[in-house]
N, C-alpha and C. Protein backbone atom coordinates (compact mmCIF):
# COMPACT_ATOMS: atom_id res chain seq x y z
N UNK A 1 8.24 -7.14 -13.97
CA UNK A 1 7.13 -6.56 -14.84
C UNK A 1 7.55 -5.10 -14.81
N UNK A 2 8.13 -4.23 -14.06
CA UNK A 2 8.51 -3.06 -14.14
C UNK A 2 9.63 -2.88 -15.26
N UNK A 3 10.53 -3.94 -15.02
CA UNK A 3 11.76 -3.81 -16.24
C UNK A 3 11.36 -4.15 -17.73
N UNK A 4 10.24 -4.95 -17.70
CA UNK A 4 9.63 -5.19 -19.06
C UNK A 4 8.72 -3.97 -19.43
N UNK A 5 8.34 -2.96 -18.80
CA UNK A 5 7.60 -1.73 -19.11
C UNK A 5 6.13 -2.04 -18.64
N UNK A 6 5.80 -3.01 -18.30
CA UNK A 6 4.25 -3.08 -17.85
C UNK A 6 3.70 -2.49 -16.88
N UNK A 7 4.66 -2.29 -15.80
CA UNK A 7 4.31 -1.39 -14.77
C UNK A 7 5.01 -0.06 -14.51
N UNK A 8 4.52 0.93 -13.99
CA UNK A 8 5.17 2.06 -13.72
C UNK A 8 6.38 1.67 -12.61
N UNK A 9 7.44 2.40 -13.00
CA UNK A 9 8.61 2.14 -11.89
C UNK A 9 8.14 2.61 -10.67
N UNK A 10 8.47 2.01 -9.64
CA UNK A 10 8.00 2.25 -7.98
C UNK A 10 8.62 1.45 -7.26
N UNK A 11 8.54 1.52 -5.87
CA UNK A 11 9.07 0.56 -5.00
C UNK A 11 8.39 -0.89 -5.23
N UNK A 12 9.03 -1.83 -5.57
CA UNK A 12 8.42 -3.22 -5.83
C UNK A 12 7.78 -3.69 -4.45
N UNK A 13 8.58 -3.69 -3.36
CA UNK A 13 8.04 -4.07 -2.09
C UNK A 13 6.73 -3.33 -1.75
N UNK A 14 6.56 -2.06 -1.80
CA UNK A 14 5.58 -1.36 -1.41
C UNK A 14 4.25 -1.92 -2.47
N UNK A 15 4.46 -1.84 -3.77
CA UNK A 15 3.52 -2.15 -4.78
C UNK A 15 3.09 -3.78 -4.41
N UNK A 16 3.78 -4.54 -3.98
CA UNK A 16 3.42 -5.97 -3.82
C UNK A 16 2.64 -5.96 -2.47
N UNK A 17 2.86 -5.06 -1.55
CA UNK A 17 2.05 -4.85 -0.22
C UNK A 17 0.84 -4.35 -0.52
N UNK A 18 0.75 -3.24 -1.34
CA UNK A 18 -0.48 -2.80 -1.87
C UNK A 18 -1.28 -3.65 -2.46
N UNK A 19 -0.91 -4.30 -3.35
CA UNK A 19 -1.66 -5.51 -4.10
C UNK A 19 -2.20 -6.51 -3.19
N UNK A 20 -1.43 -7.19 -2.54
CA UNK A 20 -1.56 -8.46 -1.76
C UNK A 20 -2.28 -8.15 -0.25
N UNK A 21 -2.03 -7.26 0.40
CA UNK A 21 -2.59 -6.97 1.76
C UNK A 21 -4.25 -6.83 1.71
N UNK A 22 -4.80 -6.15 0.85
CA UNK A 22 -6.20 -6.07 0.97
C UNK A 22 -6.74 -7.43 0.42
N UNK A 23 -6.42 -8.10 -0.40
CA UNK A 23 -6.65 -9.55 -0.77
C UNK A 23 -6.64 -10.43 0.27
N UNK A 24 -5.58 -10.39 1.15
CA UNK A 24 -5.27 -11.37 2.10
C UNK A 24 -6.59 -11.06 3.20
N UNK A 25 -6.64 -9.72 3.40
CA UNK A 25 -7.76 -9.28 4.58
C UNK A 25 -9.11 -9.74 3.87
N UNK A 26 -9.27 -9.77 2.61
CA UNK A 26 -10.71 -9.92 2.31
C UNK A 26 -10.98 -11.46 2.18
N UNK A 27 -9.82 -12.31 1.93
CA UNK A 27 -9.87 -13.78 2.04
C UNK A 27 -10.36 -14.20 3.46
N UNK A 28 -9.44 -13.54 4.39
CA UNK A 28 -9.53 -13.83 5.68
C UNK A 28 -11.23 -13.43 6.19
N UNK A 29 -11.77 -12.52 5.79
CA UNK A 29 -13.39 -11.91 6.07
C UNK A 29 -14.13 -13.06 5.52
N UNK A 30 -13.70 -13.54 4.25
CA UNK A 30 -14.59 -14.47 3.73
C UNK A 30 -14.72 -15.87 4.64
N UNK A 31 -13.27 -16.40 5.06
CA UNK A 31 -13.32 -17.29 5.65
C UNK A 31 -14.22 -17.17 7.04
N UNK A 32 -14.34 -16.16 7.65
CA UNK A 32 -15.16 -15.71 8.75
C UNK A 32 -16.71 -15.56 8.49
N UNK A 33 -16.98 -15.10 7.18
CA UNK A 33 -18.33 -14.79 6.86
C UNK A 33 -18.50 -15.18 5.51
N UNK A 34 -18.94 -16.43 5.62
CA UNK A 34 -18.88 -17.13 4.08
C UNK A 34 -20.29 -16.59 3.57
N UNK A 35 -21.10 -16.37 4.14
CA UNK A 35 -22.44 -15.65 3.54
C UNK A 35 -22.00 -14.43 2.54
N UNK A 36 -20.88 -13.97 2.94
CA UNK A 36 -20.38 -12.56 2.23
C UNK A 36 -19.54 -12.88 1.01
N UNK A 37 -19.36 -14.13 0.82
CA UNK A 37 -18.30 -14.52 -0.25
C UNK A 37 -18.60 -13.69 -1.67
N UNK A 38 -19.74 -13.77 -1.98
CA UNK A 38 -19.93 -13.05 -3.47
C UNK A 38 -19.65 -11.56 -3.40
N UNK A 39 -19.94 -10.95 -2.29
CA UNK A 39 -19.50 -9.54 -2.18
C UNK A 39 -17.90 -9.45 -2.09
N UNK A 40 -17.48 -10.28 -1.17
CA UNK A 40 -15.99 -10.20 -1.02
C UNK A 40 -15.25 -10.30 -2.32
N UNK A 41 -15.57 -11.32 -3.08
CA UNK A 41 -15.22 -11.62 -4.30
C UNK A 41 -15.10 -10.50 -5.23
N UNK A 42 -16.29 -9.99 -5.21
CA UNK A 42 -16.30 -8.63 -6.09
C UNK A 42 -15.55 -7.43 -5.72
N UNK A 43 -15.14 -7.47 -4.35
CA UNK A 43 -14.40 -6.40 -3.57
C UNK A 43 -13.08 -6.67 -4.13
N UNK A 44 -12.53 -8.00 -4.33
CA UNK A 44 -11.30 -8.29 -4.40
C UNK A 44 -10.95 -7.97 -6.11
N UNK A 45 -11.94 -8.31 -6.73
CA UNK A 45 -11.91 -7.91 -8.12
C UNK A 45 -11.62 -6.40 -8.51
N UNK A 46 -12.56 -5.71 -7.85
CA UNK A 46 -12.62 -4.20 -7.91
C UNK A 46 -11.24 -3.58 -7.36
N UNK A 47 -10.55 -4.14 -6.35
CA UNK A 47 -9.25 -3.77 -5.71
C UNK A 47 -8.36 -4.17 -6.93
N UNK A 48 -8.50 -5.33 -7.45
CA UNK A 48 -7.31 -5.69 -8.53
C UNK A 48 -7.31 -4.68 -9.76
N UNK A 49 -8.49 -4.61 -10.23
CA UNK A 49 -8.71 -3.63 -11.34
C UNK A 49 -8.20 -2.09 -11.14
N UNK A 50 -8.55 -1.75 -9.94
CA UNK A 50 -8.03 -0.36 -9.48
C UNK A 50 -6.61 -0.41 -9.49
N UNK A 51 -6.02 -1.39 -9.00
CA UNK A 51 -4.42 -1.51 -8.80
C UNK A 51 -3.88 -1.42 -10.02
N UNK A 52 -4.56 -2.16 -11.04
CA UNK A 52 -3.72 -2.12 -12.59
C UNK A 52 -4.23 -0.92 -13.18
N UNK A 53 -5.23 -0.15 -12.90
CA UNK A 53 -5.49 1.12 -13.72
C UNK A 53 -4.55 2.33 -13.04
N UNK A 54 -4.08 2.03 -11.74
CA UNK A 54 -3.24 2.98 -11.08
C UNK A 54 -1.70 2.80 -11.80
N UNK A 55 -1.34 1.59 -11.64
CA UNK A 55 0.21 1.26 -11.75
C UNK A 55 0.61 0.62 -13.07
N UNK A 56 -0.42 0.21 -14.08
CA UNK A 56 0.02 -0.49 -15.15
C UNK A 56 0.00 0.63 -16.14
N UNK A 57 1.26 0.34 -17.01
CA UNK A 57 1.18 1.35 -18.11
C UNK A 57 0.15 0.87 -19.26
N UNK A 58 -0.37 1.94 -20.02
CA UNK A 58 -1.32 1.80 -21.30
C UNK A 58 -2.59 0.96 -20.87
N UNK A 59 -3.06 1.12 -19.65
CA UNK A 59 -4.46 0.59 -19.37
C UNK A 59 -5.57 1.56 -19.40
């Protein structure tokens, strides 16, 4: 996606970690606390939107 100009040029491994690590952590939390699922899904969406605002071009 960087080569296509969709994302800013940066370390792809670092960006992949920054995107996926919080999501994995939140999914793990949802597994342990199913009553918090709605809140956790909202947090995941907020995280992904923030990531895209920071790293995507033209957002």
